[in-house]
Amino acid sequence: MITQGKKEIREILISRIIKSEDLNHHGTLFAGRMAEWLVEACLISAIDLLRRPEDIVCARIHGMNFLKSSTIGHGHGNFCDRR
């Protein structure tokens, strides 16, 4: 944890196992599912910081870069760093 002002900055890591319903027609992780998981991880991080979930809205995802494909059975982690 890092202290910045009066708030502590913590790392949030959420892990998922990729299941068949998470795959696209190529048999790899569907980007929409990844975006859903990313938003969920960032929401949890924002709630942890602000303590007011009713005031939090995801307005936009600017972009995601996939460095390699993921297939069924692989673990996948979403990381949100509140800096």
Protein backbone atom coordinates (compact mmCIF):
# COMPACT_ATOMS: atom_id res chain seq x y z
CA MET A 1 0.00 0.00 0.00
CA ILE A 2 1.07 3.54 -0.77
CA THR A 3 -0.24 6.56 1.08
CA GLN A 4 -1.18 9.45 -1.17
CA GLY A 5 -2.69 12.39 0.71
CA LYS A 6 -5.23 10.90 3.11
CA LYS A 7 -6.11 7.87 0.96
CA GLU A 8 -4.20 4.61 0.78
CA ILE A 9 -3.54 3.28 -2.70
CA ARG A 10 -4.07 -0.46 -2.89
CA GLU A 11 -3.75 -2.88 -5.75
CA ILE A 12 -6.86 -4.85 -6.65
CA LEU A 13 -6.47 -8.19 -8.46
CA ILE A 14 -9.47 -10.26 -9.49
CA SER A 15 -8.90 -13.69 -11.04
CA ARG A 16 -11.22 -15.63 -13.33
CA ILE A 17 -11.10 -19.07 -14.92
CA ILE A 18 -12.09 -18.86 -18.57
CA LYS A 19 -15.12 -21.06 -19.33
CA SER A 20 -16.69 -22.06 -22.64
CA GLU A 21 -19.30 -19.27 -22.44
CA ASP A 22 -16.44 -16.72 -22.27
CA LEU A 23 -15.06 -17.72 -25.69
CA ASN A 24 -15.61 -16.23 -29.14
CA HIS A 25 -15.97 -18.15 -32.42
CA HIS A 26 -12.16 -18.57 -32.57
CA GLY A 27 -12.15 -20.38 -29.22
CA THR A 28 -10.33 -17.51 -27.46
CA LEU A 29 -11.49 -15.08 -24.79
CA PHE A 30 -14.22 -12.77 -26.10
CA ALA A 31 -13.11 -9.12 -25.84
CA GLY A 32 -16.53 -8.11 -24.53
CA ARG A 33 -16.17 -10.53 -21.60
CA MET A 34 -12.72 -9.13 -20.87
CA ALA A 35 -14.15 -5.59 -20.91
CA GLU A 36 -16.90 -6.69 -18.50
CA TRP A 37 -14.31 -8.13 -16.12
CA LEU A 38 -12.14 -5.02 -16.41
CA VAL A 39 -15.06 -2.74 -15.52
CA GLU A 40 -15.96 -4.99 -12.57
CA ALA A 41 -12.39 -4.91 -11.21
CA CYS A 42 -12.18 -1.14 -11.58
CA LEU A 43 -15.60 -0.71 -9.93
CA ILE A 44 -14.42 -2.74 -6.94
CA SER A 45 -11.30 -0.58 -6.76
CA ALA A 46 -13.32 2.65 -6.95
CA ILE A 47 -15.74 1.44 -4.26
CA ASP A 48 -12.79 0.54 -2.06
CA LEU A 49 -11.44 4.08 -2.49
CA LEU A 50 -14.64 6.15 -2.34
CA ARG A 51 -16.92 3.95 -0.19
CA ARG A 52 -19.91 5.28 -2.15
CA PRO A 53 -20.90 2.85 -4.95
CA GLU A 54 -23.99 4.91 -5.78
CA ASP A 55 -21.72 7.74 -7.00
CA ILE A 56 -19.66 5.60 -9.42
CA VAL A 57 -20.33 5.26 -13.15
CA CYS A 58 -18.17 3.79 -15.90
CA ALA A 59 -18.39 6.41 -18.63
CA ARG A 60 -15.97 4.89 -21.12
CA ILE A 61 -13.22 2.36 -21.69
CA HIS A 62 -10.57 4.11 -23.74
CA GLY A 63 -8.91 0.92 -24.95
CA MET A 64 -7.58 -2.53 -24.17
CA ASN A 65 -4.49 -4.22 -25.56
CA PHE A 66 -4.41 -8.00 -25.82
CA LEU A 67 -0.84 -9.23 -25.81
CA LYS A 68 -1.72 -12.89 -26.27
CA SER A 69 -4.86 -14.96 -26.61
CA SER A 70 -6.46 -16.83 -23.73
CA THR A 71 -8.38 -20.07 -24.09
CA ILE A 72 -10.65 -22.26 -21.99
CA GLY A 73 -9.29 -23.28 -18.60
CA HIS A 74 -6.68 -20.55 -18.39
CA GLY A 75 -6.70 -18.20 -15.46
CA HIS A 76 -7.02 -14.53 -16.17
CA GLY A 77 -6.39 -11.63 -13.81
CA ASN A 78 -7.73 -8.11 -13.94
CA PHE A 79 -5.60 -5.52 -12.23
CA CYS A 80 -6.67 -2.04 -11.24
CA ASP A 81 -4.20 0.35 -9.73
CA ARG A 82 -5.74 3.51 -8.25
CA ARG A 83 -3.03 6.01 -9.15
